[in-house]
Amino acid sequence: MSKAFIYIITGAALWGTIGFYVENLYAYGFTPMEVVTLRVSTAAMMLLIYMSFYAPKQLKLKKWTDISYFIGTGVFSIIFFNYSMFKTIELASISVSAALLYTGPAFVIILSFFLFKERLTKRKVIALFTTLIGTTLVVELFPLDLENLPLLTIFIGLCSGLGYALYSIFSKFALEKYSSLAITTYTFIVAAIALLPFFSFQAHGALLTDFKVILFAFGLGFLPTAVAYIIYTYGLQQTEASNASLLTTVEPVVATLVGVFIFEEHFAVSQIVGMICIIGAVILMQIQLPENRLTKIK
């Protein structure tokens, strides 16, 4: 088992714990985008403080134009995919949103093929379709009423998948110059700067003095955000972006288990089958077999 595999799986598993913090913050009346703002802002503060003391040299930009990488990861990925995901939930449902979000690996595989000349193999294609099927079962997407699902909603949901994928793409470029820690820090600084003006301080500012709110906000910003993205980005440095994106599909498995064991949500047989599909696809990506390439770029 490669180190990259362990890092990426661990990062994705930590993402899967987001629901615990989010549900508790929703209980205080925060809107979805306000929760995203709390998430990126607390992560940015913690990372900036840590790097200022322990890795100040890594905070220095090699070129001012390199900020474009972090606008990519922070705005076009973090903010864009969260907004698209929440809008899809508003227009359809959580299950539809989750299933469309996890088209992300497909976007990564396609973009990596053209941008990084990564191989498109039969194993990747099989793993991709297996994870897509597994995800739809885990989030209980079926039965789906397509007649009441407008094309605009599907498009916005696919945008969340594209935004989700862009983190891997922009990070891959940034990793040529910056460490995973620096990339994660700048990503959340940029995202926080972009989102803070839209936070309703007048309506919910007083809640930020509540100890429990602070605890949940910083908890959200720490483990499933700062730590998770650092670990994932570090793993991304050691493997292909397409492989990394496929491994992240363990997130809905962990999220479902959190819902079952912490929030006592129901657990269906179809979800077990879906988990088996996802875990099977992850194992498939780790088996060392000769690759049959569907196509190759020289």
Protein backbone atom coordinates (compact mmCIF):
# COMPACT_ATOMS: atom_id res chain seq x y z
CA MET A 1 0.00 0.00 0.00
CA SER A 2 1.58 3.30 -1.12
CA LYS A 3 2.00 6.31 1.16
CA ALA A 4 0.03 8.42 -1.32
CA PHE A 5 -2.90 6.01 -0.93
CA ILE A 6 -2.82 6.36 2.87
CA TYR A 7 -2.62 10.17 2.75
CA ILE A 8 -5.46 10.57 0.24
CA ILE A 9 -7.75 8.06 1.96
CA THR A 10 -7.10 9.72 5.33
CA GLY A 11 -7.84 13.17 3.92
CA ALA A 12 -11.05 11.98 2.28
CA ALA A 13 -12.11 10.17 5.46
CA LEU A 14 -11.67 13.41 7.42
CA TRP A 15 -13.85 15.22 4.86
CA GLY A 16 -16.48 12.63 5.61
CA THR A 17 -16.75 13.90 9.21
CA ILE A 18 -17.87 17.38 8.08
CA GLY A 19 -21.53 16.53 8.70
CA PHE A 20 -21.01 16.37 12.48
CA TYR A 21 -19.83 19.99 12.68
CA VAL A 22 -22.16 21.32 9.99
CA GLU A 23 -25.31 19.87 11.57
CA ASN A 24 -24.41 21.43 14.91
CA LEU A 25 -23.78 24.85 13.32
CA TYR A 26 -27.06 24.65 11.36
CA ALA A 27 -28.82 24.18 14.70
CA TYR A 28 -27.73 27.72 15.64
CA GLY A 29 -29.36 29.17 12.51
CA PHE A 30 -26.35 29.67 10.25
CA THR A 31 -27.04 29.41 6.51
CA PRO A 32 -25.09 26.91 4.38
CA MET A 33 -22.82 29.59 2.86
CA GLU A 34 -22.23 31.11 6.31
CA VAL A 35 -21.04 27.69 7.47
CA VAL A 36 -18.69 27.56 4.47
CA THR A 37 -17.41 31.03 5.45
CA LEU A 38 -16.80 29.87 9.02
CA ARG A 39 -15.06 26.79 7.70
CA VAL A 40 -12.60 28.58 5.41
CA SER A 41 -12.04 31.51 7.79
CA THR A 42 -11.16 29.40 10.84
CA ALA A 43 -8.95 27.14 8.70
CA ALA A 44 -7.18 30.21 7.26
CA MET A 45 -6.55 31.68 10.72
CA MET A 46 -5.13 28.46 12.14
CA LEU A 47 -2.92 27.79 9.13
CA LEU A 48 -1.64 31.36 8.96
CA ILE A 49 -0.73 31.38 12.67
CA TYR A 50 0.99 27.98 12.39
CA MET A 51 3.01 28.92 9.31
CA SER A 52 3.98 32.33 10.72
CA PHE A 53 5.71 30.57 13.63
CA TYR A 54 6.96 27.30 12.12
CA ALA A 55 7.31 27.80 8.37
CA PRO A 56 7.43 31.54 7.60
CA LYS A 57 9.64 31.08 4.54
CA GLN A 58 6.96 28.93 2.89
CA LEU A 59 4.52 31.85 3.09
CA LYS A 60 6.58 33.89 0.65
CA LEU A 61 5.21 33.89 -2.88
CA LYS A 62 7.86 33.13 -5.49
CA LYS A 63 5.96 35.37 -7.92
CA TRP A 64 2.94 37.59 -7.31
CA THR A 65 1.32 36.04 -10.38
CA ASP A 66 1.36 32.69 -8.54
CA ILE A 67 -1.66 33.93 -6.58
CA SER A 68 -3.62 32.75 -9.64
CA TYR A 69 -3.08 29.15 -8.45
CA PHE A 70 -4.78 29.94 -5.16
CA ILE A 71 -7.58 31.92 -6.76
CA GLY A 72 -8.10 28.68 -8.66
CA THR A 73 -8.14 26.45 -5.57
CA GLY A 74 -9.87 28.95 -3.29
CA VAL A 75 -12.47 30.64 -5.52
CA PHE A 76 -12.98 28.44 -8.57
CA SER A 77 -12.84 25.25 -6.50
CA ILE A 78 -13.76 25.72 -2.80
CA ILE A 79 -16.30 28.54 -3.19
CA PHE A 80 -17.65 27.52 -6.61
CA PHE A 81 -18.29 23.88 -5.74
CA ASN A 82 -19.82 24.72 -2.35
CA TYR A 83 -22.19 27.30 -3.86
CA SER A 84 -23.18 24.92 -6.68
CA MET A 85 -23.65 22.06 -4.22
CA PHE A 86 -25.88 24.08 -1.88
CA LYS A 87 -27.88 25.47 -4.81
CA THR A 88 -28.48 21.92 -6.08
CA ILE A 89 -29.69 20.91 -2.61
CA GLU A 90 -32.07 23.89 -2.68
CA LEU A 91 -33.40 23.03 -6.15
CA ALA A 92 -33.47 19.23 -5.77
CA SER A 93 -32.25 17.24 -2.75
CA ILE A 94 -29.16 16.28 -0.77
CA SER A 95 -28.94 12.91 -2.54
CA VAL A 96 -29.10 14.43 -6.03
CA SER A 97 -26.50 17.01 -5.01
CA ALA A 98 -24.14 14.40 -3.55
CA ALA A 99 -24.38 12.16 -6.62
CA LEU A 100 -23.67 15.03 -9.03
CA LEU A 101 -20.83 16.30 -6.82
CA TYR A 102 -19.11 12.94 -7.16
CA THR A 103 -18.88 13.28 -10.92
CA GLY A 104 -15.73 15.13 -9.85
CA PRO A 105 -13.38 12.18 -10.53
CA ALA A 106 -14.68 12.00 -14.12
CA PHE A 107 -13.77 15.66 -14.65
CA VAL A 108 -10.34 15.10 -13.09
CA ILE A 109 -9.63 12.10 -15.31
CA ILE A 110 -10.60 14.04 -18.45
CA LEU A 111 -8.72 17.23 -17.50
CA SER A 112 -5.64 15.28 -16.35
CA PHE A 113 -5.57 13.41 -19.66
CA PHE A 114 -5.23 16.68 -21.58
CA LEU A 115 -3.29 18.83 -19.08
CA PHE A 116 -0.88 16.36 -17.46
CA LYS A 117 -0.79 13.62 -20.11
CA GLU A 118 -1.98 11.09 -17.52
CA ARG A 119 -2.90 7.67 -18.88
CA LEU A 120 -6.50 6.72 -19.50
CA THR A 121 -6.65 3.02 -18.65
CA LYS A 122 -9.36 0.36 -18.50
CA ARG A 123 -8.79 0.06 -14.77
CA LYS A 124 -9.46 3.78 -14.24
CA VAL A 125 -12.63 3.63 -16.33
CA ILE A 126 -13.90 0.55 -14.45
CA ALA A 127 -13.06 2.16 -11.10
CA LEU A 128 -14.79 5.38 -12.15
CA PHE A 129 -18.05 3.70 -13.14
CA THR A 130 -17.96 1.50 -10.03
CA THR A 131 -17.56 4.54 -7.76
CA LEU A 132 -20.35 6.42 -9.57
CA ILE A 133 -22.69 3.46 -9.09
CA GLY A 134 -21.56 3.04 -5.49
CA THR A 135 -22.09 6.73 -4.72
CA THR A 136 -25.64 6.75 -6.11
CA LEU A 137 -26.44 3.76 -3.88
CA VAL A 138 -24.78 5.22 -0.77
CA VAL A 139 -26.65 8.55 -1.07
CA GLU A 140 -29.85 6.67 -1.98
CA LEU A 141 -30.37 8.57 -5.22
CA PHE A 142 -32.92 6.07 -6.55
CA PRO A 143 -35.79 6.11 -7.26
CA LEU A 144 -35.19 9.35 -9.17
CA ASP A 145 -38.01 11.38 -10.69
CA LEU A 146 -36.30 12.71 -13.80
CA GLU A 147 -39.48 14.43 -14.98
CA ASN A 148 -39.28 16.82 -12.03
CA LEU A 149 -35.52 17.36 -12.29
CA PRO A 150 -34.88 20.34 -14.62
CA LEU A 151 -31.82 20.41 -16.84
CA LEU A 152 -30.68 23.60 -15.09
CA THR A 153 -30.54 21.75 -11.77
CA ILE A 154 -28.50 18.94 -13.33
CA PHE A 155 -26.17 21.53 -14.89
CA ILE A 156 -25.62 23.31 -11.56
CA GLY A 157 -24.99 19.93 -9.88
CA LEU A 158 -22.41 19.06 -12.52
CA CYS A 159 -20.80 22.45 -11.88
CA SER A 160 -20.26 21.35 -8.27
CA GLY A 161 -18.47 18.25 -9.59
CA LEU A 162 -16.30 20.41 -11.86
CA GLY A 163 -15.48 22.79 -9.01
CA TYR A 164 -14.64 19.83 -6.77
CA ALA A 165 -12.30 18.53 -9.47
CA LEU A 166 -10.53 21.86 -10.00
CA TYR A 167 -8.83 21.67 -6.59
CA SER A 168 -6.80 18.68 -7.78
CA ILE A 169 -6.02 20.38 -11.10
CA PHE A 170 -4.89 23.77 -9.74
CA SER A 171 -3.03 22.08 -6.86
CA LYS A 172 -1.11 19.89 -9.27
CA PHE A 173 0.24 23.01 -10.99
CA ALA A 174 0.96 24.74 -7.67
CA LEU A 175 2.84 21.71 -6.31
CA GLU A 176 5.61 22.41 -8.82
CA LYS A 177 6.52 25.49 -6.73
CA TYR A 178 4.86 25.23 -3.32
CA SER A 179 4.44 22.74 -0.47
CA SER A 180 1.08 21.17 0.37
CA LEU A 181 1.00 23.28 3.55
CA ALA A 182 1.52 26.54 1.65
CA ILE A 183 -1.09 25.63 -0.96
CA THR A 184 -3.68 24.79 1.67
CA THR A 185 -2.96 27.99 3.61
CA TYR A 186 -3.21 30.30 0.60
CA THR A 187 -6.30 28.45 -0.65
CA PHE A 188 -8.25 29.21 2.51
CA ILE A 189 -6.90 32.75 2.91
CA VAL A 190 -8.15 33.59 -0.60
CA ALA A 191 -11.49 31.82 -0.02
CA ALA A 192 -11.99 33.62 3.32
CA ILE A 193 -11.23 37.05 1.83
CA ALA A 194 -13.74 36.39 -0.94
CA LEU A 195 -16.50 35.12 1.38
CA LEU A 196 -16.29 37.32 4.50
CA PRO A 197 -18.04 40.34 2.88
CA PHE A 198 -21.11 38.13 2.34
CA PHE A 199 -21.34 36.88 5.94
CA SER A 200 -24.37 38.27 7.79
CA PHE A 201 -22.64 39.72 10.86
CA GLN A 202 -25.72 41.75 11.69
CA ALA A 203 -27.91 38.66 11.95
CA HIS A 204 -25.46 36.12 13.34
CA GLY A 205 -22.45 38.08 14.58
CA ALA A 206 -23.51 37.74 18.23
CA LEU A 207 -23.44 33.93 17.90
CA LEU A 208 -19.69 34.08 17.27
CA THR A 209 -19.18 34.81 20.99
CA ASP A 210 -20.89 31.56 21.99
CA PHE A 211 -18.27 29.06 23.20
CA LYS A 212 -19.97 26.07 21.55
CA VAL A 213 -20.25 27.88 18.21
CA ILE A 214 -16.56 28.75 18.40
CA LEU A 215 -15.76 25.13 19.26
CA PHE A 216 -17.75 23.73 16.31
CA ALA A 217 -16.44 26.39 13.91
CA PHE A 218 -12.78 25.78 14.78
CA GLY A 219 -13.39 22.03 14.84
CA LEU A 220 -14.76 22.30 11.31
CA GLY A 221 -11.83 24.43 10.23
CA PHE A 222 -9.24 22.13 11.79
CA LEU A 223 -9.69 18.38 11.16
CA PRO A 224 -12.02 18.08 8.14
CA THR A 225 -10.60 21.22 6.50
CA ALA A 226 -7.02 22.32 7.26
CA VAL A 227 -5.65 18.89 8.19
CA ALA A 228 -7.68 17.05 5.55
CA TYR A 229 -6.61 19.33 2.69
CA ILE A 230 -2.94 19.32 3.75
CA ILE A 231 -2.92 15.51 3.85
CA TYR A 232 -4.82 15.19 0.56
CA THR A 233 -2.60 17.74 -1.24
CA TYR A 234 0.53 16.00 0.05
CA GLY A 235 -0.76 12.68 -1.27
CA LEU A 236 -1.63 14.34 -4.57
CA GLN A 237 2.02 15.32 -4.92
CA GLN A 238 2.96 11.63 -5.03
CA THR A 239 0.40 10.26 -7.48
CA GLU A 240 -1.66 11.12 -10.53
CA ALA A 241 -4.53 13.56 -10.02
CA SER A 242 -6.95 11.07 -11.58
CA ASN A 243 -5.95 8.32 -9.13
CA ALA A 244 -6.27 10.71 -6.18
CA SER A 245 -9.75 11.85 -7.21
CA LEU A 246 -11.02 8.26 -7.42
CA LEU A 247 -9.72 7.52 -3.93
CA THR A 248 -11.61 10.50 -2.46
CA THR A 249 -14.90 8.71 -3.06
CA VAL A 250 -14.48 7.05 0.34
CA GLU A 251 -15.81 10.36 1.70
CA PRO A 252 -19.53 9.53 1.24
CA VAL A 253 -18.89 6.16 2.92
CA VAL A 254 -17.47 7.87 6.01
CA ALA A 255 -20.19 10.55 5.89
CA THR A 256 -22.90 7.87 5.85
CA LEU A 257 -21.32 6.02 8.77
CA VAL A 258 -21.16 9.30 10.75
CA GLY A 259 -24.85 9.82 10.02
CA VAL A 260 -25.72 6.29 11.14
CA PHE A 261 -23.66 6.09 14.33
CA ILE A 262 -23.83 9.72 15.53
CA PHE A 263 -27.14 11.05 14.21
CA GLU A 264 -28.90 7.64 14.19
CA GLU A 265 -29.94 7.91 10.55
CA HIS A 266 -31.40 4.83 8.84
CA PHE A 267 -29.07 2.42 7.02
CA ALA A 268 -30.34 0.52 3.98
CA VAL A 269 -29.02 -2.62 2.29
CA SER A 270 -28.48 -0.61 -0.92
CA GLN A 271 -26.08 1.66 0.99
CA ILE A 272 -24.04 -1.37 2.09
CA VAL A 273 -23.85 -2.49 -1.56
CA GLY A 274 -22.77 1.03 -2.54
CA MET A 275 -20.03 1.04 0.08
CA ILE A 276 -18.77 -2.30 -1.19
CA CYS A 277 -18.64 -0.86 -4.74
CA ILE A 278 -16.65 2.19 -3.61
CA ILE A 279 -14.24 0.22 -1.43
CA GLY A 280 -13.84 -2.32 -4.24
CA ALA A 281 -12.94 0.47 -6.68
CA VAL A 282 -10.39 1.87 -4.21
CA ILE A 283 -8.81 -1.58 -3.83
CA LEU A 284 -8.79 -1.98 -7.63
CA MET A 285 -6.78 1.24 -7.95
CA GLN A 286 -4.15 -0.17 -5.58
CA ILE A 287 -3.70 -3.61 -7.16
CA GLN A 288 -0.47 -3.72 -9.12
CA LEU A 289 -1.45 -5.05 -12.53
CA PRO A 290 -0.14 -4.38 -16.04
CA GLU A 291 -2.14 -1.43 -17.35
CA ASN A 292 -4.06 -1.75 -20.62
CA ARG A 293 -4.23 1.76 -21.91
CA LEU A 294 -7.33 2.81 -23.78
CA THR A 295 -5.30 5.59 -25.31
CA LYS A 296 -1.97 7.23 -24.84
CA ILE A 297 -0.57 10.69 -25.50
CA LYS A 298 3.06 10.81 -26.51
